[in-house]
Amino acid sequence: MTLEVTTASTADYLWVVADRIRFLGGVPGSDMELLDVEVPPGSGTPPHVHESPELFYVLEGEMTVRQFAPDLPPQVVKAGPGTSVRVSPRVPHNYTNESDRPVRMLVMLAPSMIAFFRDIGSVERPQGGPDFAGISAAMDRHGVEALSPAA
């Protein structure tokens, strides 16, 4: 058995749209992997659904997480430092940074979502708007389904 050590300066990272994601590694004996995600003000995800469960743990700032259900208003959670939010598989949700400060959070995900982020991410910070066609194609490849905002 060996120790694997990853630091902020040695972690692989990618820019996924405006968010910076550091890949911290997997949990031995599990299929879950840990990410360190920096979300600037105004950034976030559209409503979506996927097979991977998620666990968010907010380190800095305030993240807004929404869960969507048919014919009901969204359940809204304002998650500040020290707050964890679990999202079960196939639960429609999104997150946004609606504050004026960056958010930093740890996120545990299954390899399918790690592969999605690696597919759409770039080493250089993107300039201009998102590549919606490329993101949509990657969503199809990795089983991520976009939902309408009224989901």
C-alpha atoms as a PDB file:
ATOM      1  CA  MET A   1       0.000   0.000   0.000  1.00  0.00           C
ATOM      2  CA  THR A   2       1.344   3.432  -0.901  1.00  0.00           C
ATOM      3  CA  LEU A   3       0.274   6.927  -0.041  1.00  0.00           C
ATOM      4  CA  GLU A   4      -0.799   9.089  -2.936  1.00  0.00           C
ATOM      5  CA  VAL A   5      -0.407  12.796  -2.286  1.00  0.00           C
ATOM      6  CA  THR A   6      -1.920  15.517  -4.439  1.00  0.00           C
ATOM      7  CA  THR A   7      -1.572  19.217  -3.710  1.00  0.00           C
ATOM      8  CA  ALA A   8      -3.219  22.233  -5.303  1.00  0.00           C
ATOM      9  CA  SER A   9      -0.037  22.807  -7.290  1.00  0.00           C
ATOM     10  CA  THR A  10       0.354  19.188  -8.491  1.00  0.00           C
ATOM     11  CA  ALA A  11      -3.298  18.339  -9.236  1.00  0.00           C
ATOM     12  CA  ASP A  12      -4.459  18.070 -12.812  1.00  0.00           C
ATOM     13  CA  TYR A  13      -6.891  20.875 -13.504  1.00  0.00           C
ATOM     14  CA  LEU A  14      -9.176  21.979 -16.291  1.00  0.00           C
ATOM     15  CA  TRP A  15     -11.390  24.942 -16.976  1.00  0.00           C
ATOM     16  CA  VAL A  16     -14.954  23.771 -17.553  1.00  0.00           C
ATOM     17  CA  VAL A  17     -16.690  26.812 -19.016  1.00  0.00           C
ATOM     18  CA  ALA A  18     -15.864  29.388 -16.267  1.00  0.00           C
ATOM     19  CA  ASP A  19     -15.219  26.928 -13.401  1.00  0.00           C
ATOM     20  CA  ARG A  20     -11.742  25.701 -12.509  1.00  0.00           C
ATOM     21  CA  ILE A  21     -11.755  22.024 -11.565  1.00  0.00           C
ATOM     22  CA  ARG A  22      -8.829  20.289  -9.833  1.00  0.00           C
ATOM     23  CA  PHE A  23      -8.813  16.485  -9.999  1.00  0.00           C
ATOM     24  CA  LEU A  24      -7.687  15.270  -6.566  1.00  0.00           C
ATOM     25  CA  GLY A  25      -8.016  11.512  -7.099  1.00  0.00           C
ATOM     26  CA  GLY A  26     -10.190   8.547  -6.332  1.00  0.00           C
ATOM     27  CA  VAL A  27     -11.075   6.817  -3.104  1.00  0.00           C
ATOM     28  CA  PRO A  28      -9.441   3.337  -2.924  1.00  0.00           C
ATOM     29  CA  GLY A  29     -12.058   0.591  -3.015  1.00  0.00           C
ATOM     30  CA  SER A  30     -14.680   3.004  -4.365  1.00  0.00           C
ATOM     31  CA  ASP A  31     -15.631   4.410  -7.740  1.00  0.00           C
ATOM     32  CA  MET A  32     -15.920   7.943  -6.334  1.00  0.00           C
ATOM     33  CA  GLU A  33     -13.418  10.696  -7.117  1.00  0.00           C
ATOM     34  CA  LEU A  34     -12.781  14.014  -5.389  1.00  0.00           C
ATOM     35  CA  LEU A  35     -12.703  17.373  -7.163  1.00  0.00           C
ATOM     36  CA  ASP A  36     -11.851  20.859  -5.904  1.00  0.00           C
ATOM     37  CA  VAL A  37     -14.098  23.265  -7.845  1.00  0.00           C
ATOM     38  CA  GLU A  38     -13.805  27.060  -7.989  1.00  0.00           C
ATOM     39  CA  VAL A  39     -17.007  28.735  -9.215  1.00  0.00           C
ATOM     40  CA  PRO A  40     -16.827  32.462 -10.022  1.00  0.00           C
ATOM     41  CA  PRO A  41     -19.792  34.789  -9.451  1.00  0.00           C
ATOM     42  CA  GLY A  42     -22.517  34.195 -12.022  1.00  0.00           C
ATOM     43  CA  SER A  43     -21.274  30.743 -13.018  1.00  0.00           C
ATOM     44  CA  GLY A  44     -23.056  27.438 -12.573  1.00  0.00           C
ATOM     45  CA  THR A  45     -24.796  24.643 -14.408  1.00  0.00           C
ATOM     46  CA  PRO A  46     -28.119  24.493 -16.211  1.00  0.00           C
ATOM     47  CA  PRO A  47     -30.747  22.124 -14.832  1.00  0.00           C
ATOM     48  CA  HIS A  48     -29.628  18.587 -15.654  1.00  0.00           C
ATOM     49  CA  VAL A  49     -29.779  14.939 -14.627  1.00  0.00           C
ATOM     50  CA  HIS A  50     -27.266  12.062 -14.728  1.00  0.00           C
ATOM     51  CA  GLU A  51     -26.617   8.618 -13.234  1.00  0.00           C
ATOM     52  CA  SER A  52     -23.786   9.719 -10.931  1.00  0.00           C
ATOM     53  CA  PRO A  53     -24.597  10.655  -7.357  1.00  0.00           C
ATOM     54  CA  GLU A  54     -22.846  13.811  -6.150  1.00  0.00           C
ATOM     55  CA  LEU A  55     -21.715  15.196  -2.835  1.00  0.00           C
ATOM     56  CA  PHE A  56     -20.911  18.915  -2.623  1.00  0.00           C
ATOM     57  CA  TYR A  57     -19.056  20.358   0.384  1.00  0.00           C
ATOM     58  CA  VAL A  58     -18.739  24.147   0.366  1.00  0.00           C
ATOM     59  CA  LEU A  59     -15.420  25.499   1.630  1.00  0.00           C
ATOM     60  CA  GLU A  60     -15.811  29.191   0.734  1.00  0.00           C
ATOM     61  CA  GLY A  61     -18.660  31.399  -0.467  1.00  0.00           C
ATOM     62  CA  GLU A  62     -22.328  30.516  -0.934  1.00  0.00           C
ATOM     63  CA  MET A  63     -23.568  28.100  -3.573  1.00  0.00           C
ATOM     64  CA  THR A  64     -27.231  27.889  -4.570  1.00  0.00           C
ATOM     65  CA  VAL A  65     -28.326  24.311  -5.308  1.00  0.00           C
ATOM     66  CA  ARG A  66     -31.739  23.530  -6.762  1.00  0.00           C
ATOM     67  CA  GLN A  67     -33.616  20.247  -7.017  1.00  0.00           C
ATOM     68  CA  PHE A  68     -36.395  20.047  -9.581  1.00  0.00           C
ATOM     69  CA  ALA A  69     -39.539  17.911  -9.458  1.00  0.00           C
ATOM     70  CA  PRO A  70     -42.439  17.831 -11.937  1.00  0.00           C
ATOM     71  CA  ASP A  71     -45.272  20.265 -11.145  1.00  0.00           C
ATOM     72  CA  LEU A  72     -43.537  21.606  -8.015  1.00  0.00           C
ATOM     73  CA  PRO A  73     -41.431  24.690  -7.408  1.00  0.00           C
ATOM     74  CA  PRO A  74     -37.713  23.914  -7.148  1.00  0.00           C
ATOM     75  CA  GLN A  75     -36.292  23.061  -3.740  1.00  0.00           C
ATOM     76  CA  VAL A  76     -33.606  25.711  -3.161  1.00  0.00           C
ATOM     77  CA  VAL A  77     -30.650  25.360  -0.778  1.00  0.00           C
ATOM     78  CA  LYS A  78     -28.218  28.189  -0.037  1.00  0.00           C
ATOM     79  CA  ALA A  79     -25.097  26.245   0.945  1.00  0.00           C
ATOM     80  CA  GLY A  80     -22.401  28.191   2.794  1.00  0.00           C
ATOM     81  CA  PRO A  81     -19.055  27.123   4.239  1.00  0.00           C
ATOM     82  CA  GLY A  82     -19.252  23.832   6.104  1.00  0.00           C
ATOM     83  CA  THR A  83     -22.437  22.725   4.316  1.00  0.00           C
ATOM     84  CA  SER A  84     -22.695  19.463   2.388  1.00  0.00           C
ATOM     85  CA  VAL A  85     -25.404  18.724  -0.155  1.00  0.00           C
ATOM     86  CA  ARG A  86     -26.007  15.204  -1.481  1.00  0.00           C
ATOM     87  CA  VAL A  87     -27.683  14.649  -4.837  1.00  0.00           C
ATOM     88  CA  SER A  88     -28.958  11.141  -5.562  1.00  0.00           C
ATOM     89  CA  PRO A  89     -28.613   9.536  -9.005  1.00  0.00           C
ATOM     90  CA  ARG A  90     -31.172  10.704 -11.623  1.00  0.00           C
ATOM     91  CA  VAL A  91     -32.340  13.659  -9.491  1.00  0.00           C
ATOM     92  CA  PRO A  92     -32.833  16.797 -11.615  1.00  0.00           C
ATOM     93  CA  HIS A  93     -30.692  19.618 -10.181  1.00  0.00           C
ATOM     94  CA  ASN A  94     -28.317  22.470 -10.844  1.00  0.00           C
ATOM     95  CA  TYR A  95     -25.965  24.765  -8.963  1.00  0.00           C
ATOM     96  CA  THR A  96     -25.208  28.447  -9.390  1.00  0.00           C
ATOM     97  CA  ASN A  97     -23.067  31.043  -7.704  1.00  0.00           C
ATOM     98  CA  GLU A  98     -25.546  33.884  -7.287  1.00  0.00           C
ATOM     99  CA  SER A  99     -23.262  35.838  -4.963  1.00  0.00           C
ATOM    100  CA  ASP A 100     -20.627  38.439  -5.751  1.00  0.00           C
ATOM    101  CA  ARG A 101     -17.786  36.294  -4.351  1.00  0.00           C
ATOM    102  CA  PRO A 102     -16.168  33.109  -5.680  1.00  0.00           C
ATOM    103  CA  VAL A 103     -17.293  29.755  -4.321  1.00  0.00           C
ATOM    104  CA  ARG A 104     -14.901  26.927  -3.643  1.00  0.00           C
ATOM    105  CA  MET A 105     -16.238  23.442  -2.987  1.00  0.00           C
ATOM    106  CA  LEU A 106     -15.172  19.828  -2.837  1.00  0.00           C
ATOM    107  CA  VAL A 107     -17.258  17.497  -4.984  1.00  0.00           C
ATOM    108  CA  MET A 108     -17.338  13.690  -5.001  1.00  0.00           C
ATOM    109  CA  LEU A 109     -18.434  12.119  -8.294  1.00  0.00           C
ATOM    110  CA  ALA A 110     -18.447   8.826 -10.165  1.00  0.00           C
ATOM    111  CA  PRO A 111     -16.017   8.288 -13.077  1.00  0.00           C
ATOM    112  CA  SER A 112     -18.732   8.973 -15.691  1.00  0.00           C
ATOM    113  CA  MET A 113     -18.901  12.625 -14.617  1.00  0.00           C
ATOM    114  CA  ILE A 114     -15.115  12.877 -14.294  1.00  0.00           C
ATOM    115  CA  ALA A 115     -14.904  11.693 -17.930  1.00  0.00           C
ATOM    116  CA  PHE A 116     -17.492  14.317 -18.946  1.00  0.00           C
ATOM    117  CA  PHE A 117     -15.476  17.132 -17.327  1.00  0.00           C
ATOM    118  CA  ARG A 118     -12.250  15.896 -18.898  1.00  0.00           C
ATOM    119  CA  ASP A 119     -14.018  15.759 -22.270  1.00  0.00           C
ATOM    120  CA  ILE A 120     -15.277  19.372 -22.221  1.00  0.00           C
ATOM    121  CA  GLY A 121     -12.516  20.970 -20.150  1.00  0.00           C
ATOM    122  CA  SER A 122      -9.479  22.871 -21.352  1.00  0.00           C
ATOM    123  CA  VAL A 123      -6.114  23.630 -19.768  1.00  0.00           C
ATOM    124  CA  GLU A 124      -6.350  27.266 -20.837  1.00  0.00           C
ATOM    125  CA  ARG A 125      -9.077  29.492 -19.419  1.00  0.00           C
ATOM    126  CA  PRO A 126     -11.719  29.763 -22.178  1.00  0.00           C
ATOM    127  CA  GLN A 127     -12.085  33.092 -23.932  1.00  0.00           C
ATOM    128  CA  GLY A 128     -15.484  34.089 -25.263  1.00  0.00           C
ATOM    129  CA  GLY A 129     -18.673  32.140 -24.751  1.00  0.00           C
ATOM    130  CA  PRO A 130     -19.120  28.419 -24.125  1.00  0.00           C
ATOM    131  CA  ASP A 131     -18.995  25.919 -26.995  1.00  0.00           C
ATOM    132  CA  PHE A 132     -22.622  24.843 -26.607  1.00  0.00           C
ATOM    133  CA  ALA A 133     -22.491  22.390 -29.520  1.00  0.00           C
ATOM    134  CA  GLY A 134     -19.397  20.682 -28.085  1.00  0.00           C
ATOM    135  CA  ILE A 135     -20.886  20.571 -24.583  1.00  0.00           C
ATOM    136  CA  SER A 136     -24.161  19.147 -25.919  1.00  0.00           C
ATOM    137  CA  ALA A 137     -22.330  16.418 -27.837  1.00  0.00           C
ATOM    138  CA  ALA A 138     -20.279  15.549 -24.732  1.00  0.00           C
ATOM    139  CA  MET A 139     -23.470  15.419 -22.650  1.00  0.00           C
ATOM    140  CA  ASP A 140     -24.868  12.850 -25.095  1.00  0.00           C
ATOM    141  CA  ARG A 141     -21.656  10.790 -24.921  1.00  0.00           C
ATOM    142  CA  HIS A 142     -21.597  10.777 -21.100  1.00  0.00           C
ATOM    143  CA  GLY A 143     -25.278  10.373 -20.254  1.00  0.00           C
ATOM    144  CA  VAL A 144     -25.916  13.893 -18.977  1.00  0.00           C
ATOM    145  CA  GLU A 145     -29.375  15.161 -19.891  1.00  0.00           C
ATOM    146  CA  ALA A 146     -30.096  18.895 -20.003  1.00  0.00           C
ATOM    147  CA  LEU A 147     -33.508  19.927 -18.710  1.00  0.00           C
ATOM    148  CA  SER A 148     -35.555  23.021 -19.386  1.00  0.00           C
ATOM    149  CA  PRO A 149     -35.415  25.633 -16.594  1.00  0.00           C
ATOM    150  CA  ALA A 150     -39.052  24.837 -15.786  1.00  0.00           C
ATOM    151  CA  ALA A 151     -38.115  21.181 -15.091  1.00  0.00           C
END
